[in-house]
């Protein structure tokens, strides 16, 4: 780790669904994710908080967007819907990912723990 890349992340992708007819829940859970990289030094920065769910339920909290930066030359390492986990136990779903001159920049939303 360094002063700029002060977090350690792992990257997982959703496993392919199989089956015919009625199949189970199709969202990403820890059991349906396939880890493809780990031990990557990264910088994680809060971008903004979005409004609370309009349903107004007592447990509703605002969603937050985060920007995750890390160095890599492997362009197949990251894509939308992948999940990034950090060394603090947080999980982020990738909304948009693009390579730049420093590596990758990923816009993410924080997932429920």
PDB file of N, CA and C in Angstrom:
ATOM      1  N   UNK A   1       0.843  -1.187   0.000  1.00  0.00           N
ATOM      2  CA  UNK A   1       0.000   0.000   0.000  1.00  0.00           C
ATOM      3  C   UNK A   1       0.881   1.241   0.000  1.00  0.00           C
ATOM      4  N   UNK A   2       0.289   2.342  -0.418  1.00  0.00           N
ATOM      5  CA  UNK A   2       1.002   3.601  -0.430  1.00  0.00           C
ATOM      6  C   UNK A   2       0.071   4.698   0.084  1.00  0.00           C
ATOM      7  N   UNK A   3       0.576   5.906   0.121  1.00  0.00           N
ATOM      8  CA  UNK A   3      -0.243   7.023   0.586  1.00  0.00           C
ATOM      9  C   UNK A   3      -1.426   7.277  -0.344  1.00  0.00           C
ATOM     10  N   UNK A   4      -1.255   7.028  -1.631  1.00  0.00           N
ATOM     11  CA  UNK A   4      -2.343   7.249  -2.589  1.00  0.00           C
ATOM     12  C   UNK A   4      -3.260   6.036  -2.651  1.00  0.00           C
ATOM     13  N   UNK A   5      -2.695   4.866  -2.807  1.00  0.00           N
ATOM     14  CA  UNK A   5      -3.481   3.625  -2.878  1.00  0.00           C
ATOM     15  C   UNK A   5      -3.464   2.974  -1.498  1.00  0.00           C
ATOM     16  N   UNK A   6      -4.357   3.443  -0.612  1.00  0.00           N
ATOM     17  CA  UNK A   6      -4.324   3.048   0.790  1.00  0.00           C
ATOM     18  C   UNK A   6      -5.300   1.938   1.176  1.00  0.00           C
ATOM     19  N   UNK A   7      -5.973   1.329   0.235  1.00  0.00           N
ATOM     20  CA  UNK A   7      -6.894   0.219   0.484  1.00  0.00           C
ATOM     21  C   UNK A   7      -6.448  -0.983  -0.328  1.00  0.00           C
ATOM     22  N   UNK A   8      -6.903  -2.160   0.055  1.00  0.00           N
ATOM     23  CA  UNK A   8      -6.637  -3.383  -0.697  1.00  0.00           C
ATOM     24  C   UNK A   8      -7.980  -3.951  -1.123  1.00  0.00           C
ATOM     25  N   UNK A   9      -8.115  -4.268  -2.420  1.00  0.00           N
ATOM     26  CA  UNK A   9      -9.401  -4.732  -2.940  1.00  0.00           C
ATOM     27  C   UNK A   9      -9.279  -6.114  -3.583  1.00  0.00           C
ATOM     28  N   UNK A  10     -10.427  -6.743  -3.731  1.00  0.00           N
ATOM     29  CA  UNK A  10     -10.574  -7.977  -4.508  1.00  0.00           C
ATOM     30  C   UNK A  10     -11.716  -7.737  -5.483  1.00  0.00           C
ATOM     31  N   UNK A  11     -11.634  -8.343  -6.658  1.00  0.00           N
ATOM     32  CA  UNK A  11     -12.652  -8.170  -7.694  1.00  0.00           C
ATOM     33  C   UNK A  11     -13.311  -9.512  -7.966  1.00  0.00           C
ATOM     34  N   UNK A  12     -14.649  -9.504  -7.995  1.00  0.00           N
ATOM     35  CA  UNK A  12     -15.426 -10.713  -8.286  1.00  0.00           C
ATOM     36  C   UNK A  12     -16.406 -10.405  -9.400  1.00  0.00           C
ATOM     37  N   UNK A  13     -16.777 -11.436 -10.130  1.00  0.00           N
ATOM     38  CA  UNK A  13     -17.786 -11.259 -11.175  1.00  0.00           C
ATOM     39  C   UNK A  13     -18.927 -12.233 -10.923  1.00  0.00           C
ATOM     40  N   UNK A  14     -20.129 -11.877 -11.373  1.00  0.00           N
ATOM     41  CA  UNK A  14     -21.262 -12.786 -11.208  1.00  0.00           C
ATOM     42  C   UNK A  14     -21.031 -14.068 -12.004  1.00  0.00           C
ATOM     43  N   UNK A  15     -21.365 -15.195 -11.407  1.00  0.00           N
ATOM     44  CA  UNK A  15     -21.259 -16.473 -12.107  1.00  0.00           C
ATOM     45  C   UNK A  15     -22.392 -16.572 -13.123  1.00  0.00           C
ATOM     46  N   UNK A  16     -22.162 -17.309 -14.181  1.00  0.00           N
ATOM     47  CA  UNK A  16     -23.204 -17.513 -15.195  1.00  0.00           C
ATOM     48  C   UNK A  16     -24.344 -18.322 -14.622  1.00  0.00           C
ATOM     49  N   UNK A  17     -25.563 -17.908 -14.947  1.00  0.00           N
ATOM     50  CA  UNK A  17     -26.732 -18.666 -14.514  1.00  0.00           C
ATOM     51  C   UNK A  17     -26.998 -19.787 -15.498  1.00  0.00           C
ATOM     52  N   UNK A  18     -27.419 -20.900 -14.976  1.00  0.00           N
ATOM     53  CA  UNK A  18     -27.818 -22.011 -15.830  1.00  0.00           C
ATOM     54  C   UNK A  18     -29.189 -22.481 -15.391  1.00  0.00           C
ATOM     55  N   UNK A  19     -29.852 -23.188 -16.240  1.00  0.00           N
ATOM     56  CA  UNK A  19     -31.155 -23.729 -15.886  1.00  0.00           C
ATOM     57  C   UNK A  19     -32.185 -23.389 -16.937  1.00  0.00           C
ATOM     58  N   UNK A  20     -33.297 -24.085 -16.848  1.00  0.00           N
ATOM     59  CA  UNK A  20     -34.394 -23.885 -17.775  1.00  0.00           C
ATOM     60  C   UNK A  20     -35.645 -23.666 -16.949  1.00  0.00           C
ATOM     61  N   UNK A  21     -36.502 -22.765 -17.403  1.00  0.00           N
ATOM     62  CA  UNK A  21     -37.745 -22.524 -16.688  1.00  0.00           C
ATOM     63  C   UNK A  21     -37.513 -21.643 -15.483  1.00  0.00           C
ATOM     64  N   UNK A  22     -38.263 -21.904 -14.422  1.00  0.00           N
ATOM     65  CA  UNK A  22     -38.165 -21.086 -13.216  1.00  0.00           C
ATOM     66  C   UNK A  22     -36.841 -21.362 -12.514  1.00  0.00           C
ATOM     67  N   UNK A  23     -36.004 -20.343 -12.445  1.00  0.00           N
ATOM     68  CA  UNK A  23     -34.738 -20.487 -11.736  1.00  0.00           C
ATOM     69  C   UNK A  23     -34.712 -19.514 -10.577  1.00  0.00           C
ATOM     70  N   UNK A  24     -33.794 -19.678  -9.686  1.00  0.00           N
ATOM     71  CA  UNK A  24     -33.722 -18.875  -8.474  1.00  0.00           C
ATOM     72  C   UNK A  24     -33.346 -17.428  -8.721  1.00  0.00           C
ATOM     73  N   UNK A  25     -33.121 -16.746  -7.637  1.00  0.00           N
ATOM     74  CA  UNK A  25     -32.764 -15.331  -7.652  1.00  0.00           C
ATOM     75  C   UNK A  25     -31.551 -15.097  -8.531  1.00  0.00           C
ATOM     76  N   UNK A  26     -31.616 -14.099  -9.411  1.00  0.00           N
ATOM     77  CA  UNK A  26     -30.546 -13.860 -10.362  1.00  0.00           C
ATOM     78  C   UNK A  26     -29.564 -12.785  -9.954  1.00  0.00           C
ATOM     79  N   UNK A  27     -29.752 -12.155  -8.791  1.00  0.00           N
ATOM     80  CA  UNK A  27     -28.851 -11.098  -8.364  1.00  0.00           C
ATOM     81  C   UNK A  27     -27.558 -11.639  -7.793  1.00  0.00           C
ATOM     82  N   UNK A  28     -26.610 -10.748  -7.588  1.00  0.00           N
ATOM     83  CA  UNK A  28     -25.302 -11.137  -7.059  1.00  0.00           C
ATOM     84  C   UNK A  28     -25.363 -11.320  -5.552  1.00  0.00           C
ATOM     85  N   UNK A  29     -25.029 -12.487  -5.103  1.00  0.00           N
ATOM     86  CA  UNK A  29     -24.845 -12.760  -3.685  1.00  0.00           C
ATOM     87  C   UNK A  29     -23.427 -13.283  -3.513  1.00  0.00           C
ATOM     88  N   UNK A  30     -22.958 -13.318  -2.275  1.00  0.00           N
ATOM     89  CA  UNK A  30     -21.591 -13.774  -2.064  1.00  0.00           C
ATOM     90  C   UNK A  30     -21.397 -15.197  -2.572  1.00  0.00           C
ATOM     91  N   UNK A  31     -22.450 -15.997  -2.553  1.00  0.00           N
ATOM     92  CA  UNK A  31     -22.347 -17.370  -3.030  1.00  0.00           C
ATOM     93  C   UNK A  31     -22.334 -17.503  -4.542  1.00  0.00           C
ATOM     94  N   UNK A  32     -22.761 -16.464  -5.253  1.00  0.00           N
ATOM     95  CA  UNK A  32     -22.810 -16.541  -6.723  1.00  0.00           C
ATOM     96  C   UNK A  32     -21.723 -15.718  -7.387  1.00  0.00           C
ATOM     97  N   UNK A  33     -20.771 -15.235  -6.610  1.00  0.00           N
ATOM     98  CA  UNK A  33     -19.676 -14.436  -7.168  1.00  0.00           C
ATOM     99  C   UNK A  33     -18.420 -15.279  -7.319  1.00  0.00           C
ATOM    100  N   UNK A  34     -17.700 -15.061  -8.381  1.00  0.00           N
ATOM    101  CA  UNK A  34     -16.453 -15.769  -8.668  1.00  0.00           C
ATOM    102  C   UNK A  34     -15.314 -14.753  -8.574  1.00  0.00           C
ATOM    103  N   UNK A  35     -14.418 -14.927  -7.596  1.00  0.00           N
ATOM    104  CA  UNK A  35     -13.305 -13.991  -7.431  1.00  0.00           C
ATOM    105  C   UNK A  35     -12.309 -14.165  -8.570  1.00  0.00           C
ATOM    106  N   UNK A  36     -11.924 -13.039  -9.200  1.00  0.00           N
ATOM    107  CA  UNK A  36     -10.987 -13.115 -10.320  1.00  0.00           C
ATOM    108  C   UNK A  36      -9.667 -12.408 -10.035  1.00  0.00           C
ATOM    109  N   UNK A  37      -9.616 -11.580  -8.979  1.00  0.00           N
ATOM    110  CA  UNK A  37      -8.364 -10.904  -8.614  1.00  0.00           C
ATOM    111  C   UNK A  37      -8.444 -10.492  -7.152  1.00  0.00           C
ATOM    112  N   UNK A  38      -7.289 -10.443  -6.493  1.00  0.00           N
ATOM    113  CA  UNK A  38      -7.249 -10.004  -5.099  1.00  0.00           C
ATOM    114  C   UNK A  38      -5.894  -9.386  -4.805  1.00  0.00           C
ATOM    115  N   UNK A  39      -5.808  -8.718  -3.659  1.00  0.00           N
ATOM    116  CA  UNK A  39      -4.556  -8.106  -3.242  1.00  0.00           C
ATOM    117  C   UNK A  39      -4.151  -6.897  -4.053  1.00  0.00           C
ATOM    118  N   UNK A  40      -5.119  -6.165  -4.609  1.00  0.00           N
ATOM    119  CA  UNK A  40      -4.843  -5.010  -5.469  1.00  0.00           C
ATOM    120  C   UNK A  40      -4.891  -3.734  -4.625  1.00  0.00           C
ATOM    121  N   UNK A  41      -3.838  -2.934  -4.676  1.00  0.00           N
ATOM    122  CA  UNK A  41      -3.821  -1.648  -3.979  1.00  0.00           C
ATOM    123  C   UNK A  41      -4.739  -0.675  -4.720  1.00  0.00           C
ATOM    124  N   UNK A  42      -5.570   0.053  -3.949  1.00  0.00           N
ATOM    125  CA  UNK A  42      -6.559   0.934  -4.573  1.00  0.00           C
ATOM    126  C   UNK A  42      -6.802   2.174  -3.730  1.00  0.00           C
ATOM    127  N   UNK A  43      -7.416   3.159  -4.353  1.00  0.00           N
ATOM    128  CA  UNK A  43      -7.886   4.358  -3.676  1.00  0.00           C
ATOM    129  C   UNK A  43      -9.410   4.376  -3.819  1.00  0.00           C
ATOM    130  N   UNK A  44     -10.119   4.540  -2.699  1.00  0.00           N
ATOM    131  CA  UNK A  44     -11.584   4.542  -2.708  1.00  0.00           C
ATOM    132  C   UNK A  44     -12.047   5.890  -2.172  1.00  0.00           C
ATOM    133  N   UNK A  45     -12.837   6.600  -2.990  1.00  0.00           N
ATOM    134  CA  UNK A  45     -13.255   7.949  -2.626  1.00  0.00           C
ATOM    135  C   UNK A  45     -14.761   8.100  -2.777  1.00  0.00           C
ATOM    136  N   UNK A  46     -15.384   8.716  -1.786  1.00  0.00           N
ATOM    137  CA  UNK A  46     -16.815   9.001  -1.832  1.00  0.00           C
ATOM    138  C   UNK A  46     -17.086  10.074  -2.876  1.00  0.00           C
ATOM    139  N   UNK A  47     -18.068   9.817  -3.747  1.00  0.00           N
ATOM    140  CA  UNK A  47     -18.445  10.798  -4.762  1.00  0.00           C
ATOM    141  C   UNK A  47     -19.619  11.623  -4.257  1.00  0.00           C
ATOM    142  N   UNK A  48     -20.723  10.953  -3.894  1.00  0.00           N
ATOM    143  CA  UNK A  48     -21.890  11.668  -3.393  1.00  0.00           C
ATOM    144  C   UNK A  48     -22.896  10.697  -2.789  1.00  0.00           C
ATOM    145  N   UNK A  49     -23.807  11.255  -2.011  1.00  0.00           N
ATOM    146  CA  UNK A  49     -24.938  10.500  -1.489  1.00  0.00           C
ATOM    147  C   UNK A  49     -26.152  10.849  -2.323  1.00  0.00           C
ATOM    148  N   UNK A  50     -26.941   9.836  -2.629  1.00  0.00           N
ATOM    149  CA  UNK A  50     -28.178  10.073  -3.368  1.00  0.00           C
ATOM    150  C   UNK A  50     -29.340  10.112  -2.387  1.00  0.00           C
ATOM    151  N   UNK A  51     -30.476  10.527  -2.864  1.00  0.00           N
ATOM    152  CA  UNK A  51     -31.655  10.666  -2.020  1.00  0.00           C
ATOM    153  C   UNK A  51     -32.096   9.323  -1.448  1.00  0.00           C
ATOM    154  N   UNK A  52     -32.800   9.408  -0.350  1.00  0.00           N
ATOM    155  CA  UNK A  52     -33.375   8.224   0.280  1.00  0.00           C
ATOM    156  C   UNK A  52     -34.476   7.675  -0.617  1.00  0.00           C
ATOM    157  N   UNK A  53     -34.696   6.372  -0.546  1.00  0.00           N
ATOM    158  CA  UNK A  53     -35.747   5.716  -1.318  1.00  0.00           C
ATOM    159  C   UNK A  53     -37.077   6.434  -1.104  1.00  0.00           C
ATOM    160  N   UNK A  54     -37.807   6.745  -2.168  1.00  0.00           N
ATOM    161  CA  UNK A  54     -39.068   7.482  -2.025  1.00  0.00           C
ATOM    162  C   UNK A  54     -40.169   6.708  -1.296  1.00  0.00           C
ATOM    163  N   UNK A  55     -39.986   5.414  -1.078  1.00  0.00           N
ATOM    164  CA  UNK A  55     -41.003   4.648  -0.343  1.00  0.00           C
ATOM    165  C   UNK A  55     -41.106   5.126   1.096  1.00  0.00           C
ATOM    166  N   UNK A  56     -40.023   5.692   1.629  1.00  0.00           N
ATOM    167  CA  UNK A  56     -40.065   6.270   2.973  1.00  0.00           C
ATOM    168  C   UNK A  56     -40.157   5.249   4.085  1.00  0.00           C
ATOM    169  N   UNK A  57     -39.565   4.090   3.902  1.00  0.00           N
ATOM    170  CA  UNK A  57     -39.600   3.067   4.948  1.00  0.00           C
ATOM    171  C   UNK A  57     -38.640   3.437   6.075  1.00  0.00           C
ATOM    172  N   UNK A  58     -38.930   3.007   7.301  1.00  0.00           N
ATOM    173  CA  UNK A  58     -38.087   3.404   8.439  1.00  0.00           C
ATOM    174  C   UNK A  58     -36.608   3.022   8.289  1.00  0.00           C
ATOM    175  N   UNK A  59     -36.309   1.920   7.627  1.00  0.00           N
ATOM    176  CA  UNK A  59     -34.927   1.483   7.490  1.00  0.00           C
ATOM    177  C   UNK A  59     -34.212   2.021   6.263  1.00  0.00           C
ATOM    178  N   UNK A  60     -34.872   2.873   5.477  1.00  0.00           N
ATOM    179  CA  UNK A  60     -34.258   3.400   4.263  1.00  0.00           C
ATOM    180  C   UNK A  60     -33.095   4.324   4.597  1.00  0.00           C
ATOM    181  N   UNK A  61     -32.024   4.181   3.863  1.00  0.00           N
ATOM    182  CA  UNK A  61     -30.866   5.066   4.003  1.00  0.00           C
ATOM    183  C   UNK A  61     -30.487   5.556   2.613  1.00  0.00           C
ATOM    184  N   UNK A  62     -29.818   6.706   2.532  1.00  0.00           N
ATOM    185  CA  UNK A  62     -29.397   7.170   1.211  1.00  0.00           C
ATOM    186  C   UNK A  62     -28.353   6.227   0.611  1.00  0.00           C
ATOM    187  N   UNK A  63     -28.376   6.069  -0.696  1.00  0.00           N
ATOM    188  CA  UNK A  63     -27.340   5.289  -1.357  1.00  0.00           C
ATOM    189  C   UNK A  63     -26.152   6.205  -1.621  1.00  0.00           C
ATOM    190  N   UNK A  64     -24.977   5.614  -1.680  1.00  0.00           N
ATOM    191  CA  UNK A  64     -23.783   6.413  -1.919  1.00  0.00           C
ATOM    192  C   UNK A  64     -23.066   5.906  -3.157  1.00  0.00           C
ATOM    193  N   UNK A  65     -22.448   6.828  -3.868  1.00  0.00           N
ATOM    194  CA  UNK A  65     -21.625   6.473  -5.022  1.00  0.00           C
ATOM    195  C   UNK A  65     -20.166   6.694  -4.662  1.00  0.00           C
ATOM    196  N   UNK A  66     -19.321   5.801  -5.133  1.00  0.00           N
ATOM    197  CA  UNK A  66     -17.901   5.815  -4.810  1.00  0.00           C
ATOM    198  C   UNK A  66     -17.097   5.686  -6.094  1.00  0.00           C
ATOM    199  N   UNK A  67     -15.909   6.251  -6.100  1.00  0.00           N
ATOM    200  CA  UNK A  67     -14.980   6.111  -7.215  1.00  0.00           C
ATOM    201  C   UNK A  67     -13.797   5.293  -6.686  1.00  0.00           C
ATOM    202  N   UNK A  68     -13.488   4.210  -7.394  1.00  0.00           N
ATOM    203  CA  UNK A  68     -12.380   3.339  -7.003  1.00  0.00           C
ATOM    204  C   UNK A  68     -11.330   3.376  -8.107  1.00  0.00           C
ATOM    205  N   UNK A  69     -10.115   3.716  -7.725  1.00  0.00           N
ATOM    206  CA  UNK A  69      -8.988   3.813  -8.648  1.00  0.00           C
ATOM    207  C   UNK A  69      -7.967   2.727  -8.313  1.00  0.00           C
ATOM    208  N   UNK A  70      -7.453   2.045  -9.324  1.00  0.00           N
ATOM    209  CA  UNK A  70      -6.357   1.106  -9.114  1.00  0.00           C
ATOM    210  C   UNK A  70      -5.574   0.955 -10.408  1.00  0.00           C
ATOM    211  N   UNK A  71      -4.329   0.520 -10.280  1.00  0.00           N
ATOM    212  CA  UNK A  71      -3.463   0.357 -11.443  1.00  0.00           C
ATOM    213  C   UNK A  71      -3.567  -1.058 -11.990  1.00  0.00           C
ATOM    214  N   UNK A  72      -3.724  -1.154 -13.306  1.00  0.00           N
ATOM    215  CA  UNK A  72      -3.735  -2.451 -13.984  1.00  0.00           C
ATOM    216  C   UNK A  72      -3.632  -2.207 -15.487  1.00  0.00           C
ATOM    217  N   UNK A  73      -2.994  -3.135 -16.157  1.00  0.00           N
ATOM    218  CA  UNK A  73      -2.941  -3.072 -17.620  1.00  0.00           C
ATOM    219  C   UNK A  73      -3.853  -4.120 -18.245  1.00  0.00           C
ATOM    220  N   UNK A  74      -4.495  -4.937 -17.424  1.00  0.00           N
ATOM    221  CA  UNK A  74      -5.396  -5.988 -17.896  1.00  0.00           C
ATOM    222  C   UNK A  74      -6.784  -5.390 -18.133  1.00  0.00           C
ATOM    223  N   UNK A  75      -7.132  -5.123 -19.374  1.00  0.00           N
ATOM    224  CA  UNK A  75      -8.401  -4.477 -19.692  1.00  0.00           C
ATOM    225  C   UNK A  75      -9.612  -5.366 -19.454  1.00  0.00           C
ATOM    226  N   UNK A  76      -9.408  -6.677 -19.300  1.00  0.00           N
ATOM    227  CA  UNK A  76     -10.537  -7.582 -19.048  1.00  0.00           C
ATOM    228  C   UNK A  76     -10.812  -7.760 -17.558  1.00  0.00           C
ATOM    229  N   UNK A  77     -10.086  -7.034 -16.716  1.00  0.00           N
ATOM    230  CA  UNK A  77     -10.183  -7.230 -15.273  1.00  0.00           C
ATOM    231  C   UNK A  77     -11.461  -6.679 -14.672  1.00  0.00           C
ATOM    232  N   UNK A  78     -12.072  -5.685 -15.303  1.00  0.00           N
ATOM    233  CA  UNK A  78     -13.201  -5.010 -14.683  1.00  0.00           C
ATOM    234  C   UNK A  78     -14.273  -4.685 -15.708  1.00  0.00           C
ATOM    235  N   UNK A  79     -15.519  -4.856 -15.310  1.00  0.00           N
ATOM    236  CA  UNK A  79     -16.651  -4.537 -16.169  1.00  0.00           C
ATOM    237  C   UNK A  79     -17.840  -4.173 -15.287  1.00  0.00           C
ATOM    238  N   UNK A  80     -18.893  -3.654 -15.889  1.00  0.00           N
ATOM    239  CA  UNK A  80     -20.100  -3.314 -15.151  1.00  0.00           C
ATOM    240  C   UNK A  80     -20.674  -4.560 -14.490  1.00  0.00           C
ATOM    241  N   UNK A  81     -21.275  -4.371 -13.336  1.00  0.00           N
ATOM    242  CA  UNK A  81     -21.916  -5.406 -12.519  1.00  0.00           C
ATOM    243  C   UNK A  81     -20.928  -6.267 -11.743  1.00  0.00           C
ATOM    244  N   UNK A  82     -19.634  -6.087 -11.930  1.00  0.00           N
ATOM    245  CA  UNK A  82     -18.662  -6.789 -11.107  1.00  0.00           C
ATOM    246  C   UNK A  82     -18.755  -6.224  -9.688  1.00  0.00           C
ATOM    247  N   UNK A  83     -18.243  -6.954  -8.716  1.00  0.00           N
ATOM    248  CA  UNK A  83     -18.281  -6.522  -7.323  1.00  0.00           C
ATOM    249  C   UNK A  83     -16.852  -6.369  -6.815  1.00  0.00           C
ATOM    250  N   UNK A  84     -16.586  -5.238  -6.195  1.00  0.00           N
ATOM    251  CA  UNK A  84     -15.283  -4.970  -5.595  1.00  0.00           C
ATOM    252  C   UNK A  84     -15.450  -5.000  -4.084  1.00  0.00           C
ATOM    253  N   UNK A  85     -14.625  -5.785  -3.404  1.00  0.00           N
ATOM    254  CA  UNK A  85     -14.625  -5.860  -1.946  1.00  0.00           C
ATOM    255  C   UNK A  85     -13.339  -5.231  -1.439  1.00  0.00           C
ATOM    256  N   UNK A  86     -13.430  -4.486  -0.330  1.00  0.00           N
ATOM    257  CA  UNK A  86     -12.208  -3.888   0.207  1.00  0.00           C
ATOM    258  C   UNK A  86     -11.819  -4.516   1.536  1.00  0.00           C
ATOM    259  N   UNK A  87     -10.671  -4.086   2.059  1.00  0.00           N
ATOM    260  CA  UNK A  87     -10.139  -4.652   3.287  1.00  0.00           C
ATOM    261  C   UNK A  87     -10.911  -4.213   4.528  1.00  0.00           C
ATOM    262  N   UNK A  88     -11.890  -3.333   4.390  1.00  0.00           N
ATOM    263  CA  UNK A  88     -12.746  -2.929   5.502  1.00  0.00           C
ATOM    264  C   UNK A  88     -14.053  -3.718   5.522  1.00  0.00           C
ATOM    265  N   UNK A  89     -14.216  -4.647   4.580  1.00  0.00           N
ATOM    266  CA  UNK A  89     -15.417  -5.468   4.528  1.00  0.00           C
ATOM    267  C   UNK A  89     -16.557  -4.873   3.722  1.00  0.00           C
ATOM    268  N   UNK A  90     -16.326  -3.760   3.051  1.00  0.00           N
ATOM    269  CA  UNK A  90     -17.376  -3.159   2.222  1.00  0.00           C
ATOM    270  C   UNK A  90     -17.396  -3.826   0.858  1.00  0.00           C
ATOM    271  N   UNK A  91     -18.602  -3.837   0.243  1.00  0.00           N
ATOM    272  CA  UNK A  91     -18.750  -4.373  -1.111  1.00  0.00           C
ATOM    273  C   UNK A  91     -19.380  -3.302  -1.985  1.00  0.00           C
ATOM    274  N   UNK A  92     -18.858  -3.170  -3.207  1.00  0.00           N
ATOM    275  CA  UNK A  92     -19.308  -2.153  -4.144  1.00  0.00           C
ATOM    276  C   UNK A  92     -19.657  -2.819  -5.464  1.00  0.00           C
ATOM    277  N   UNK A  93     -20.808  -2.447  -6.039  1.00  0.00           N
ATOM    278  CA  UNK A  93     -21.151  -2.921  -7.380  1.00  0.00           C
ATOM    279  C   UNK A  93     -20.684  -1.883  -8.389  1.00  0.00           C
ATOM    280  N   UNK A  94     -20.019  -2.333  -9.436  1.00  0.00           N
ATOM    281  CA  UNK A  94     -19.485  -1.435 -10.454  1.00  0.00           C
ATOM    282  C   UNK A  94     -20.615  -0.983 -11.382  1.00  0.00           C
ATOM    283  N   UNK A  95     -20.826   0.328 -11.455  1.00  0.00           N
ATOM    284  CA  UNK A  95     -21.818   0.906 -12.357  1.00  0.00           C
ATOM    285  C   UNK A  95     -21.196   1.252 -13.701  1.00  0.00           C
ATOM    286  N   UNK A  96     -19.962   1.703 -13.668  1.00  0.00           N
ATOM    287  CA  UNK A  96     -19.239   2.062 -14.886  1.00  0.00           C
ATOM    288  C   UNK A  96     -17.751   1.942 -14.635  1.00  0.00           C
ATOM    289  N   UNK A  97     -17.044   1.355 -15.573  1.00  0.00           N
ATOM    290  CA  UNK A  97     -15.600   1.162 -15.415  1.00  0.00           C
ATOM    291  C   UNK A  97     -14.899   1.561 -16.702  1.00  0.00           C
ATOM    292  N   UNK A  98     -13.804   2.268 -16.571  1.00  0.00           N
ATOM    293  CA  UNK A  98     -13.044   2.612 -17.762  1.00  0.00           C
ATOM    294  C   UNK A  98     -11.563   2.711 -17.432  1.00  0.00           C
ATOM    295  N   UNK A  99     -10.735   2.260 -18.360  1.00  0.00           N
ATOM    296  CA  UNK A  99      -9.288   2.404 -18.169  1.00  0.00           C
ATOM    297  C   UNK A  99      -8.862   3.838 -18.476  1.00  0.00           C
ATOM    298  N   UNK A 100      -7.817   4.288 -17.807  1.00  0.00           N
ATOM    299  CA  UNK A 100      -7.231   5.589 -18.090  1.00  0.00           C
ATOM    300  C   UNK A 100      -5.715   5.452 -18.014  1.00  0.00           C
ATOM    301  N   UNK A 101      -4.994   6.545 -18.094  1.00  0.00           N
ATOM    302  CA  UNK A 101      -3.529   6.472 -18.138  1.00  0.00           C
ATOM    303  C   UNK A 101      -2.930   5.944 -16.837  1.00  0.00           C
ATOM    304  N   UNK A 102      -3.670   5.995 -15.742  1.00  0.00           N
ATOM    305  CA  UNK A 102      -3.166   5.520 -14.462  1.00  0.00           C
ATOM    306  C   UNK A 102      -3.605   4.105 -14.130  1.00  0.00           C
ATOM    307  N   UNK A 103      -4.531   3.546 -14.872  1.00  0.00           N
ATOM    308  CA  UNK A 103      -5.078   2.216 -14.577  1.00  0.00           C
ATOM    309  C   UNK A 103      -6.569   2.203 -14.818  1.00  0.00           C
ATOM    310  N   UNK A 104      -7.342   1.922 -13.768  1.00  0.00           N
ATOM    311  CA  UNK A 104      -8.800   1.876 -13.877  1.00  0.00           C
ATOM    312  C   UNK A 104      -9.451   2.892 -12.960  1.00  0.00           C
ATOM    313  N   UNK A 105     -10.583   3.395 -13.398  1.00  0.00           N
ATOM    314  CA  UNK A 105     -11.460   4.198 -12.576  1.00  0.00           C
ATOM    315  C   UNK A 105     -12.829   3.538 -12.658  1.00  0.00           C
ATOM    316  N   UNK A 106     -13.413   3.259 -11.507  1.00  0.00           N
ATOM    317  CA  UNK A 106     -14.715   2.599 -11.485  1.00  0.00           C
ATOM    318  C   UNK A 106     -15.690   3.412 -10.644  1.00  0.00           C
ATOM    319  N   UNK A 107     -16.838   3.745 -11.224  1.00  0.00           N
ATOM    320  CA  UNK A 107     -17.915   4.367 -10.473  1.00  0.00           C
ATOM    321  C   UNK A 107     -18.745   3.238  -9.893  1.00  0.00           C
ATOM    322  N   UNK A 108     -18.964   3.258  -8.581  1.00  0.00           N
ATOM    323  CA  UNK A 108     -19.610   2.133  -7.899  1.00  0.00           C
ATOM    324  C   UNK A 108     -20.677   2.617  -6.933  1.00  0.00           C
ATOM    325  N   UNK A 109     -21.554   1.701  -6.559  1.00  0.00           N
ATOM    326  CA  UNK A 109     -22.488   1.977  -5.474  1.00  0.00           C
ATOM    327  C   UNK A 109     -22.195   0.990  -4.341  1.00  0.00           C
ATOM    328  N   UNK A 110     -22.362   1.459  -3.123  1.00  0.00           N
ATOM    329  CA  UNK A 110     -22.114   0.621  -1.947  1.00  0.00           C
ATOM    330  C   UNK A 110     -23.258  -0.363  -1.802  1.00  0.00           C
ATOM    331  N   UNK A 111     -22.936  -1.644  -1.638  1.00  0.00           N
ATOM    332  CA  UNK A 111     -23.941  -2.679  -1.444  1.00  0.00           C
ATOM    333  C   UNK A 111     -24.206  -2.885   0.036  1.00  0.00           C
ATOM    334  N   UNK A 112     -25.367  -3.401   0.340  1.00  0.00           N
ATOM    335  CA  UNK A 112     -25.692  -3.737   1.731  1.00  0.00           C
ATOM    336  C   UNK A 112     -24.760  -4.829   2.203  1.00  0.00           C
ATOM    337  N   UNK A 113     -24.402  -4.790   3.467  1.00  0.00           N
ATOM    338  CA  UNK A 113     -23.488  -5.802   4.011  1.00  0.00           C
ATOM    339  C   UNK A 113     -24.163  -7.107   4.276  1.00  0.00           C
TER     340      UNK A 113
END
